[in-house]
Amino acid sequence: MKLLVDSGSTKADWIAIDDDGKVLFITQSLGLNPEVLSHDQILDRLNEKFDISQNKTNVSHIYFYGAGCGTDRMKNYMTDIFKKYFKNATVLVQEDTFAAVFATTAKNEKAIVCILGTGSNCSYFDGSVLHQKVQSLGYIAMDDGSGNRFGRHLLRAYYFNKMDAELAKELAKEFDLDPDYIKNKLYKEPNPNAYLATFAKFLIKHKENAYCKKIIKKELKAFVKNYIMQFDNYKEVPVHFVGSIAFYLKDELEAMLLKKGIKLGNVLRRPLDGLIAYHAVD
């Protein structure tokens, strides 16, 4: 049994396959980002999913692609947890960008591969090796164009009275905007970045509103400039995307890229289908 895991900060998608690529089970847990979760919190999230906990001794390989796993320290941290939990398994932990690469690129294809979901990321794949020019400092300092950035904009605009009254009214209908509730979510509970990202759906739903349109344009422009354009060949190779923000804002993203002479490649909401084909032949 091989476990393929694509984990963001909000959620983690799990698929178990056999050597022929046949799906044995599919499940979903809360996200397993080691940058924002403790050892015990990660174990709790594994144990609360029956399909995962009951099969932990049956797993021969686990391929974990996760947000927050971009450094050797975090990779080793997650590897140690999985080796103890899945006692019979060979464990490979890589950052979530690799899942996006394997799902979107053809064999030996050169491409820039981006993630736009709860967080954001961007790398250049030369056909065999992944190159990054921007080391992420996490959701507080970076993550341009991401769901958590959209949430931050909406909350600030609501409290600074920067959005129109009708939009503010709609936001208050859909979310608990009590300041104590928000502060508890941001500073007391785990995964504040995932909480902020819950507002992204509202922004996309109201993307024709003047304020929402402005924020979407501002964040996508920042992502293109600060991430994609770091690579000298950004006009020469396709730019692929994975993530809910990219998927639901594909038209806006394509228009932004077109202005910069950038070719939009594949846009996937999630990479798991591509990962099944990739790992079935391991």
C-alpha atoms as a PDB file:
ATOM      1  CA  MET A   1       0.000   0.000   0.000  1.00  0.00           C
ATOM      2  CA  LYS A   2       1.336   3.401  -1.041  1.00  0.00           C
ATOM      3  CA  LEU A   3       0.007   6.539   0.600  1.00  0.00           C
ATOM      4  CA  LEU A   4       0.089   9.718  -1.465  1.00  0.00           C
ATOM      5  CA  VAL A   5      -0.522  12.885   0.524  1.00  0.00           C
ATOM      6  CA  ASP A   6      -0.966  16.418  -0.757  1.00  0.00           C
ATOM      7  CA  SER A   7      -1.111  18.664   2.289  1.00  0.00           C
ATOM      8  CA  GLY A   8      -1.686  22.366   2.554  1.00  0.00           C
ATOM      9  CA  SER A   9      -2.286  24.293   5.741  1.00  0.00           C
ATOM     10  CA  THR A  10      -6.073  23.955   5.520  1.00  0.00           C
ATOM     11  CA  LYS A  11      -6.486  20.312   4.510  1.00  0.00           C
ATOM     12  CA  ALA A  12      -4.578  17.232   3.432  1.00  0.00           C
ATOM     13  CA  ASP A  13      -5.820  14.891   0.694  1.00  0.00           C
ATOM     14  CA  TRP A  14      -4.846  11.228   1.098  1.00  0.00           C
ATOM     15  CA  ILE A  15      -5.021   8.473  -1.523  1.00  0.00           C
ATOM     16  CA  ALA A  16      -3.912   4.888  -0.949  1.00  0.00           C
ATOM     17  CA  ILE A  17      -2.967   2.901  -4.061  1.00  0.00           C
ATOM     18  CA  ASP A  18      -1.511  -0.505  -4.831  1.00  0.00           C
ATOM     19  CA  ASP A  19       1.409  -1.180  -7.190  1.00  0.00           C
ATOM     20  CA  ASP A  20      -0.882  -1.043 -10.226  1.00  0.00           C
ATOM     21  CA  GLY A  21      -2.260   2.355  -9.298  1.00  0.00           C
ATOM     22  CA  LYS A  22      -5.610   0.976  -8.148  1.00  0.00           C
ATOM     23  CA  VAL A  23      -7.176   3.262  -5.548  1.00  0.00           C
ATOM     24  CA  LEU A  24      -7.675   1.497  -2.209  1.00  0.00           C
ATOM     25  CA  PHE A  25      -9.174   4.398  -0.296  1.00  0.00           C
ATOM     26  CA  ILE A  26      -9.439   8.180  -0.391  1.00  0.00           C
ATOM     27  CA  THR A  27      -9.733  10.388   2.661  1.00  0.00           C
ATOM     28  CA  GLN A  28      -9.078  13.920   3.848  1.00  0.00           C
ATOM     29  CA  SER A  29      -7.647  15.256   7.070  1.00  0.00           C
ATOM     30  CA  LEU A  30      -6.905  18.682   8.433  1.00  0.00           C
ATOM     31  CA  GLY A  31      -3.704  20.156   7.018  1.00  0.00           C
ATOM     32  CA  LEU A  32      -0.333  19.004   8.355  1.00  0.00           C
ATOM     33  CA  ASN A  33       1.890  22.060   8.100  1.00  0.00           C
ATOM     34  CA  PRO A  34       4.861  21.529  10.469  1.00  0.00           C
ATOM     35  CA  GLU A  35       5.555  25.260  10.574  1.00  0.00           C
ATOM     36  CA  VAL A  36       2.358  25.900  12.520  1.00  0.00           C
ATOM     37  CA  LEU A  37       1.596  22.564  14.242  1.00  0.00           C
ATOM     38  CA  SER A  38       3.220  20.773  17.157  1.00  0.00           C
ATOM     39  CA  HIS A  39       4.208  17.093  17.167  1.00  0.00           C
ATOM     40  CA  ASP A  40       1.119  16.182  19.218  1.00  0.00           C
ATOM     41  CA  GLN A  41      -1.229  18.176  16.982  1.00  0.00           C
ATOM     42  CA  ILE A  42       0.044  16.301  13.930  1.00  0.00           C
ATOM     43  CA  LEU A  43      -0.460  12.941  15.659  1.00  0.00           C
ATOM     44  CA  ASP A  44      -3.980  13.957  16.704  1.00  0.00           C
ATOM     45  CA  ARG A  45      -4.856  14.767  13.090  1.00  0.00           C
ATOM     46  CA  LEU A  46      -3.566  11.375  11.948  1.00  0.00           C
ATOM     47  CA  ASN A  47      -5.373   9.443  14.666  1.00  0.00           C
ATOM     48  CA  GLU A  48      -8.742  11.086  14.124  1.00  0.00           C
ATOM     49  CA  LYS A  49      -8.981   9.665  10.574  1.00  0.00           C
ATOM     50  CA  PHE A  50     -10.042   6.004  10.747  1.00  0.00           C
ATOM     51  CA  ASP A  51      -8.754   5.036   7.292  1.00  0.00           C
ATOM     52  CA  ILE A  52      -5.309   6.330   8.161  1.00  0.00           C
ATOM     53  CA  SER A  53      -4.996   4.984  11.693  1.00  0.00           C
ATOM     54  CA  GLN A  54      -6.336   1.505  10.913  1.00  0.00           C
ATOM     55  CA  ASN A  55      -3.917   1.063   7.997  1.00  0.00           C
ATOM     56  CA  LYS A  56      -0.779   2.512   9.545  1.00  0.00           C
ATOM     57  CA  THR A  57       0.964  -0.897   9.723  1.00  0.00           C
ATOM     58  CA  ASN A  58      -0.094  -1.821   6.163  1.00  0.00           C
ATOM     59  CA  VAL A  59       1.589   1.125   4.466  1.00  0.00           C
ATOM     60  CA  SER A  60       4.776   0.224   2.578  1.00  0.00           C
ATOM     61  CA  HIS A  61       5.511   3.712   1.225  1.00  0.00           C
ATOM     62  CA  ILE A  62       4.323   7.189   2.105  1.00  0.00           C
ATOM     63  CA  TYR A  63       4.939  10.093  -0.248  1.00  0.00           C
ATOM     64  CA  PHE A  64       4.120  13.283   1.600  1.00  0.00           C
ATOM     65  CA  TYR A  65       4.047  16.606  -0.245  1.00  0.00           C
ATOM     66  CA  GLY A  66       3.397  19.364   2.230  1.00  0.00           C
ATOM     67  CA  ALA A  67       3.228  23.083   2.813  1.00  0.00           C
ATOM     68  CA  GLY A  68       5.895  24.090   5.319  1.00  0.00           C
ATOM     69  CA  CYS A  69       8.284  21.322   4.216  1.00  0.00           C
ATOM     70  CA  GLY A  70      10.652  23.476   2.195  1.00  0.00           C
ATOM     71  CA  THR A  71      13.605  23.234   4.613  1.00  0.00           C
ATOM     72  CA  ASP A  72      15.670  20.206   5.669  1.00  0.00           C
ATOM     73  CA  ARG A  73      14.692  20.824   9.288  1.00  0.00           C
ATOM     74  CA  MET A  74      10.987  20.563   8.555  1.00  0.00           C
ATOM     75  CA  LYS A  75      11.438  17.603   6.187  1.00  0.00           C
ATOM     76  CA  ASN A  76      13.355  15.715   8.876  1.00  0.00           C
ATOM     77  CA  TYR A  77      10.781  16.680  11.496  1.00  0.00           C
ATOM     78  CA  MET A  78       7.912  15.233   9.448  1.00  0.00           C
ATOM     79  CA  THR A  79       9.945  12.200   8.360  1.00  0.00           C
ATOM     80  CA  ASP A  80      10.628  11.266  11.991  1.00  0.00           C
ATOM     81  CA  ILE A  81       6.935  11.554  12.878  1.00  0.00           C
ATOM     82  CA  PHE A  82       5.847   9.399   9.925  1.00  0.00           C
ATOM     83  CA  LYS A  83       8.525   6.738  10.502  1.00  0.00           C
ATOM     84  CA  LYS A  84       7.311   6.240  14.039  1.00  0.00           C
ATOM     85  CA  TYR A  85       3.640   6.281  13.036  1.00  0.00           C
ATOM     86  CA  PHE A  86       3.876   4.171   9.842  1.00  0.00           C
ATOM     87  CA  LYS A  87       6.363   1.675  11.272  1.00  0.00           C
ATOM     88  CA  ASN A  88       6.705  -0.485   8.135  1.00  0.00           C
ATOM     89  CA  ALA A  89       6.862   2.306   5.594  1.00  0.00           C
ATOM     90  CA  THR A  90       9.562   3.948   3.548  1.00  0.00           C
ATOM     91  CA  VAL A  91       8.977   7.673   3.985  1.00  0.00           C
ATOM     92  CA  LEU A  92       9.646  10.474   1.523  1.00  0.00           C
ATOM     93  CA  VAL A  93       8.770  14.033   2.551  1.00  0.00           C
ATOM     94  CA  GLN A  94       9.003  16.867   0.050  1.00  0.00           C
ATOM     95  CA  GLU A  95       7.590  20.358  -0.163  1.00  0.00           C
ATOM     96  CA  ASP A  96       4.187  20.696  -1.796  1.00  0.00           C
ATOM     97  CA  THR A  97       5.711  22.219  -4.928  1.00  0.00           C
ATOM     98  CA  PHE A  98       6.942  18.778  -6.003  1.00  0.00           C
ATOM     99  CA  ALA A  99       3.363  17.486  -6.069  1.00  0.00           C
ATOM    100  CA  ALA A 100       2.460  20.383  -8.333  1.00  0.00           C
ATOM    101  CA  VAL A 101       5.476  19.690 -10.570  1.00  0.00           C
ATOM    102  CA  PHE A 102       4.777  15.986 -10.967  1.00  0.00           C
ATOM    103  CA  ALA A 103       1.086  16.639 -11.661  1.00  0.00           C
ATOM    104  CA  THR A 104       1.425  19.447 -14.214  1.00  0.00           C
ATOM    105  CA  THR A 105       4.608  18.894 -16.204  1.00  0.00           C
ATOM    106  CA  ALA A 106       5.316  16.429 -18.992  1.00  0.00           C
ATOM    107  CA  LYS A 107       8.406  14.221 -18.786  1.00  0.00           C
ATOM    108  CA  ASN A 108      11.578  16.355 -18.854  1.00  0.00           C
ATOM    109  CA  GLU A 109       9.516  19.518 -19.446  1.00  0.00           C
ATOM    110  CA  LYS A 110      11.008  22.837 -18.394  1.00  0.00           C
ATOM    111  CA  ALA A 111       8.423  25.001 -16.662  1.00  0.00           C
ATOM    112  CA  ILE A 112       7.718  27.422 -13.864  1.00  0.00           C
ATOM    113  CA  VAL A 113       5.340  25.804 -11.389  1.00  0.00           C
ATOM    114  CA  CYS A 114       3.265  27.819  -8.923  1.00  0.00           C
ATOM    115  CA  ILE A 115       0.976  27.123  -6.002  1.00  0.00           C
ATOM    116  CA  LEU A 116      -1.845  29.533  -5.243  1.00  0.00           C
ATOM    117  CA  GLY A 117      -4.045  28.218  -2.456  1.00  0.00           C
ATOM    118  CA  THR A 118      -4.055  28.931   1.266  1.00  0.00           C
ATOM    119  CA  GLY A 119      -0.425  29.952   0.750  1.00  0.00           C
ATOM    120  CA  SER A 120       1.676  30.610  -2.331  1.00  0.00           C
ATOM    121  CA  ASN A 121       4.906  29.336  -3.828  1.00  0.00           C
ATOM    122  CA  CYS A 122       6.790  29.361  -7.119  1.00  0.00           C
ATOM    123  CA  SER A 123       9.675  27.278  -8.499  1.00  0.00           C
ATOM    124  CA  TYR A 124      11.459  26.579 -11.762  1.00  0.00           C
ATOM    125  CA  PHE A 125      11.680  22.940 -12.877  1.00  0.00           C
ATOM    126  CA  ASP A 126      14.464  22.289 -15.398  1.00  0.00           C
ATOM    127  CA  GLY A 127      13.147  18.852 -16.285  1.00  0.00           C
ATOM    128  CA  SER A 128      14.888  17.082 -13.418  1.00  0.00           C
ATOM    129  CA  VAL A 129      15.794  19.562 -10.667  1.00  0.00           C
ATOM    130  CA  LEU A 130      13.631  22.090  -8.849  1.00  0.00           C
ATOM    131  CA  HIS A 131      15.051  25.589  -8.408  1.00  0.00           C
ATOM    132  CA  GLN A 132      13.758  28.265  -6.069  1.00  0.00           C
ATOM    133  CA  LYS A 133      14.842  31.875  -5.843  1.00  0.00           C
ATOM    134  CA  VAL A 134      12.497  32.892  -3.038  1.00  0.00           C
ATOM    135  CA  GLN A 135      12.739  31.222   0.360  1.00  0.00           C
ATOM    136  CA  SER A 136       9.357  31.521   2.008  1.00  0.00           C
ATOM    137  CA  LEU A 137       9.125  33.298   5.343  1.00  0.00           C
ATOM    138  CA  GLY A 138       5.567  32.100   5.873  1.00  0.00           C
ATOM    139  CA  TYR A 139       2.142  33.668   5.736  1.00  0.00           C
ATOM    140  CA  ILE A 140       2.861  36.794   7.806  1.00  0.00           C
ATOM    141  CA  ALA A 141       5.704  38.096   5.631  1.00  0.00           C
ATOM    142  CA  MET A 142       4.985  36.580   2.219  1.00  0.00           C
ATOM    143  CA  ASP A 143       2.336  34.451   0.418  1.00  0.00           C
ATOM    144  CA  ASP A 144       1.408  37.059  -2.208  1.00  0.00           C
ATOM    145  CA  GLY A 145      -1.780  36.170  -4.099  1.00  0.00           C
ATOM    146  CA  SER A 146      -2.808  33.520  -1.591  1.00  0.00           C
ATOM    147  CA  GLY A 147      -6.081  32.839   0.170  1.00  0.00           C
ATOM    148  CA  ASN A 148      -4.726  34.017   3.507  1.00  0.00           C
ATOM    149  CA  ARG A 149      -3.651  37.324   1.943  1.00  0.00           C
ATOM    150  CA  PHE A 150      -7.162  37.821   0.598  1.00  0.00           C
ATOM    151  CA  GLY A 151      -8.570  37.190   4.070  1.00  0.00           C
ATOM    152  CA  ARG A 152      -6.204  39.710   5.604  1.00  0.00           C
ATOM    153  CA  HIS A 153      -7.315  42.357   3.097  1.00  0.00           C
ATOM    154  CA  LEU A 154     -11.003  41.722   3.773  1.00  0.00           C
ATOM    155  CA  LEU A 155     -10.702  41.897   7.551  1.00  0.00           C
ATOM    156  CA  ARG A 156      -8.616  45.051   7.427  1.00  0.00           C
ATOM    157  CA  ALA A 157     -10.993  46.702   4.961  1.00  0.00           C
ATOM    158  CA  TYR A 158     -13.996  45.815   7.122  1.00  0.00           C
ATOM    159  CA  TYR A 159     -12.486  47.202  10.320  1.00  0.00           C
ATOM    160  CA  PHE A 160     -10.926  50.268   8.679  1.00  0.00           C
ATOM    161  CA  ASN A 161     -14.251  51.007   6.900  1.00  0.00           C
ATOM    162  CA  LYS A 162     -12.617  50.775   3.482  1.00  0.00           C
ATOM    163  CA  MET A 163     -15.201  48.572   1.754  1.00  0.00           C
ATOM    164  CA  ASP A 164     -18.618  49.695   0.580  1.00  0.00           C
ATOM    165  CA  ALA A 165     -21.530  49.268   2.978  1.00  0.00           C
ATOM    166  CA  GLU A 166     -23.310  46.571   0.962  1.00  0.00           C
ATOM    167  CA  LEU A 167     -20.188  44.384   0.753  1.00  0.00           C
ATOM    168  CA  ALA A 168     -19.556  44.879   4.475  1.00  0.00           C
ATOM    169  CA  LYS A 169     -23.132  43.822   5.204  1.00  0.00           C
ATOM    170  CA  GLU A 170     -22.732  40.647   3.122  1.00  0.00           C
ATOM    171  CA  LEU A 171     -19.443  39.824   4.838  1.00  0.00           C
ATOM    172  CA  ALA A 172     -21.046  40.178   8.271  1.00  0.00           C
ATOM    173  CA  LYS A 173     -23.827  37.793   7.219  1.00  0.00           C
ATOM    174  CA  GLU A 174     -21.396  35.027   6.283  1.00  0.00           C
ATOM    175  CA  PHE A 175     -18.749  35.356   8.999  1.00  0.00           C
ATOM    176  CA  ASP A 176     -18.528  35.942  12.720  1.00  0.00           C
ATOM    177  CA  LEU A 177     -16.768  39.331  12.771  1.00  0.00           C
ATOM    178  CA  ASP A 178     -16.774  39.817  16.511  1.00  0.00           C
ATOM    179  CA  PRO A 179     -13.277  41.136  17.342  1.00  0.00           C
ATOM    180  CA  ASP A 180     -12.734  38.719  20.228  1.00  0.00           C
ATOM    181  CA  TYR A 181     -13.674  35.781  18.001  1.00  0.00           C
ATOM    182  CA  ILE A 182     -11.291  36.943  15.265  1.00  0.00           C
ATOM    183  CA  LYS A 183      -8.410  37.540  17.667  1.00  0.00           C
ATOM    184  CA  ASN A 184      -8.901  34.111  19.170  1.00  0.00           C
ATOM    185  CA  LYS A 185      -8.730  32.564  15.699  1.00  0.00           C
ATOM    186  CA  LEU A 186      -5.634  34.548  14.771  1.00  0.00           C
ATOM    187  CA  TYR A 187      -3.620  34.357  17.986  1.00  0.00           C
ATOM    188  CA  LYS A 188      -4.900  31.460  20.098  1.00  0.00           C
ATOM    189  CA  GLU A 189      -5.956  28.667  17.753  1.00  0.00           C
ATOM    190  CA  PRO A 190      -3.762  26.652  15.355  1.00  0.00           C
ATOM    191  CA  ASN A 191      -3.554  27.449  11.631  1.00  0.00           C
ATOM    192  CA  PRO A 192      -4.357  31.181  11.588  1.00  0.00           C
ATOM    193  CA  ASN A 193      -3.326  31.209   7.915  1.00  0.00           C
ATOM    194  CA  ALA A 194      -6.010  28.646   7.126  1.00  0.00           C
ATOM    195  CA  TYR A 195      -8.574  30.726   9.021  1.00  0.00           C
ATOM    196  CA  LEU A 196      -7.687  33.807   6.978  1.00  0.00           C
ATOM    197  CA  ALA A 197      -7.989  31.761   3.794  1.00  0.00           C
ATOM    198  CA  THR A 198     -11.620  30.909   4.566  1.00  0.00           C
ATOM    199  CA  PHE A 199     -12.475  34.452   3.459  1.00  0.00           C
ATOM    200  CA  ALA A 200     -11.081  33.880  -0.047  1.00  0.00           C
ATOM    201  CA  LYS A 201     -14.259  32.155  -1.233  1.00  0.00           C
ATOM    202  CA  PHE A 202     -16.223  35.300  -0.352  1.00  0.00           C
ATOM    203  CA  LEU A 203     -13.788  37.501  -2.265  1.00  0.00           C
ATOM    204  CA  ILE A 204     -14.002  35.288  -5.351  1.00  0.00           C
ATOM    205  CA  LYS A 205     -17.793  35.118  -5.107  1.00  0.00           C
ATOM    206  CA  HIS A 206     -17.873  38.934  -5.166  1.00  0.00           C
ATOM    207  CA  LYS A 207     -14.998  39.373  -7.609  1.00  0.00           C
ATOM    208  CA  GLU A 208     -17.014  41.819  -9.754  1.00  0.00           C
ATOM    209  CA  ASN A 209     -17.321  44.194  -6.790  1.00  0.00           C
ATOM    210  CA  ALA A 210     -14.949  47.142  -7.299  1.00  0.00           C
ATOM    211  CA  TYR A 211     -13.101  46.611  -4.016  1.00  0.00           C
ATOM    212  CA  CYS A 212     -12.727  42.837  -4.500  1.00  0.00           C
ATOM    213  CA  LYS A 213     -11.588  43.328  -8.074  1.00  0.00           C
ATOM    214  CA  LYS A 214      -8.935  45.785  -6.858  1.00  0.00           C
ATOM    215  CA  ILE A 215      -7.586  43.370  -4.235  1.00  0.00           C
ATOM    216  CA  ILE A 216      -7.503  40.432  -6.631  1.00  0.00           C
ATOM    217  CA  LYS A 217      -5.600  42.482  -9.202  1.00  0.00           C
ATOM    218  CA  LYS A 218      -3.188  43.830  -6.578  1.00  0.00           C
ATOM    219  CA  GLU A 219      -2.339  40.403  -5.152  1.00  0.00           C
ATOM    220  CA  LEU A 220      -2.002  38.598  -8.491  1.00  0.00           C
ATOM    221  CA  LYS A 221       0.206  41.403  -9.788  1.00  0.00           C
ATOM    222  CA  ALA A 222       2.413  41.110  -6.690  1.00  0.00           C
ATOM    223  CA  PHE A 223       2.687  37.348  -7.129  1.00  0.00           C
ATOM    224  CA  VAL A 224       3.720  37.659 -10.766  1.00  0.00           C
ATOM    225  CA  LYS A 225       6.287  40.360  -9.999  1.00  0.00           C
ATOM    226  CA  ASN A 226       7.747  38.949  -6.776  1.00  0.00           C
ATOM    227  CA  TYR A 227       7.691  35.253  -7.640  1.00  0.00           C
ATOM    228  CA  ILE A 228       7.401  34.416 -11.347  1.00  0.00           C
ATOM    229  CA  MET A 229       9.540  37.269 -12.648  1.00  0.00           C
ATOM    230  CA  GLN A 230      12.417  36.243 -10.378  1.00  0.00           C
ATOM    231  CA  PHE A 231      13.323  33.725 -13.090  1.00  0.00           C
ATOM    232  CA  ASP A 232      15.149  35.099 -16.127  1.00  0.00           C
ATOM    233  CA  ASN A 233      13.347  32.759 -18.544  1.00  0.00           C
ATOM    234  CA  TYR A 234       9.804  33.496 -17.333  1.00  0.00           C
ATOM    235  CA  LYS A 235       8.712  34.413 -20.867  1.00  0.00           C
ATOM    236  CA  GLU A 236      10.300  31.330 -22.439  1.00  0.00           C
ATOM    237  CA  VAL A 237       8.611  28.474 -20.555  1.00  0.00           C
ATOM    238  CA  PRO A 238       4.992  27.701 -19.621  1.00  0.00           C
ATOM    239  CA  VAL A 239       3.823  28.665 -16.154  1.00  0.00           C
ATOM    240  CA  HIS A 240       1.693  25.972 -14.493  1.00  0.00           C
ATOM    241  CA  PHE A 241      -0.521  26.476 -11.442  1.00  0.00           C
ATOM    242  CA  VAL A 242      -2.032  24.297  -8.751  1.00  0.00           C
ATOM    243  CA  GLY A 243      -4.434  25.454  -6.048  1.00  0.00           C
ATOM    244  CA  SER A 244      -7.964  26.710  -5.487  1.00  0.00           C
ATOM    245  CA  ILE A 245      -7.115  30.398  -5.887  1.00  0.00           C
ATOM    246  CA  ALA A 246      -5.493  29.815  -9.288  1.00  0.00           C
ATOM    247  CA  PHE A 247      -8.325  27.498 -10.338  1.00  0.00           C
ATOM    248  CA  TYR A 248     -11.180  29.874  -9.498  1.00  0.00           C
ATOM    249  CA  LEU A 249      -9.344  32.992 -10.693  1.00  0.00           C
ATOM    250  CA  LYS A 250      -7.964  31.438 -13.862  1.00  0.00           C
ATOM    251  CA  ASP A 251      -9.397  34.143 -16.149  1.00  0.00           C
ATOM    252  CA  GLU A 252      -7.992  36.968 -14.033  1.00  0.00           C
ATOM    253  CA  LEU A 253      -4.673  35.170 -13.763  1.00  0.00           C
ATOM    254  CA  GLU A 254      -4.444  34.566 -17.498  1.00  0.00           C
ATOM    255  CA  ALA A 255      -5.195  38.225 -18.245  1.00  0.00           C
ATOM    256  CA  MET A 256      -2.477  39.305 -15.796  1.00  0.00           C
ATOM    257  CA  LEU A 257       0.081  36.956 -17.348  1.00  0.00           C
ATOM    258  CA  LEU A 258      -0.836  37.975 -20.880  1.00  0.00           C
ATOM    259  CA  LYS A 259       0.042  41.588 -20.105  1.00  0.00           C
ATOM    260  CA  LYS A 260       3.524  40.457 -19.085  1.00  0.00           C
ATOM    261  CA  GLY A 261       4.034  38.185 -22.112  1.00  0.00           C
ATOM    262  CA  ILE A 262       3.842  35.060 -19.972  1.00  0.00           C
ATOM    263  CA  LYS A 263       2.362  31.778 -21.233  1.00  0.00           C
ATOM    264  CA  LEU A 264      -0.192  30.162 -18.931  1.00  0.00           C
ATOM    265  CA  GLY A 265       0.163  26.384 -18.823  1.00  0.00           C
ATOM    266  CA  ASN A 266      -1.941  23.868 -16.889  1.00  0.00           C
ATOM    267  CA  VAL A 267      -4.170  25.022 -14.030  1.00  0.00           C
ATOM    268  CA  LEU A 268      -5.294  22.328 -11.578  1.00  0.00           C
ATOM    269  CA  ARG A 269      -7.349  22.659  -8.454  1.00  0.00           C
ATOM    270  CA  ARG A 270      -5.403  19.804  -6.860  1.00  0.00           C
ATOM    271  CA  PRO A 271      -2.534  17.589  -8.054  1.00  0.00           C
ATOM    272  CA  LEU A 272      -3.563  14.158  -6.752  1.00  0.00           C
ATOM    273  CA  ASP A 273      -4.791  12.625 -10.034  1.00  0.00           C
ATOM    274  CA  GLY A 274      -1.433  13.313 -11.624  1.00  0.00           C
ATOM    275  CA  LEU A 275       0.375  11.889  -8.606  1.00  0.00           C
ATOM    276  CA  ILE A 276      -1.439   8.559  -8.938  1.00  0.00           C
ATOM    277  CA  ALA A 277      -0.084   8.082 -12.447  1.00  0.00           C
ATOM    278  CA  TYR A 278       3.377   9.234 -11.375  1.00  0.00           C
ATOM    279  CA  HIS A 279       3.734   6.914  -8.357  1.00  0.00           C
ATOM    280  CA  ALA A 280       1.967   3.849  -9.740  1.00  0.00           C
ATOM    281  CA  VAL A 281       5.113   2.986 -11.680  1.00  0.00           C
ATOM    282  CA  ASP A 282       7.607   3.569  -8.828  1.00  0.00           C
END
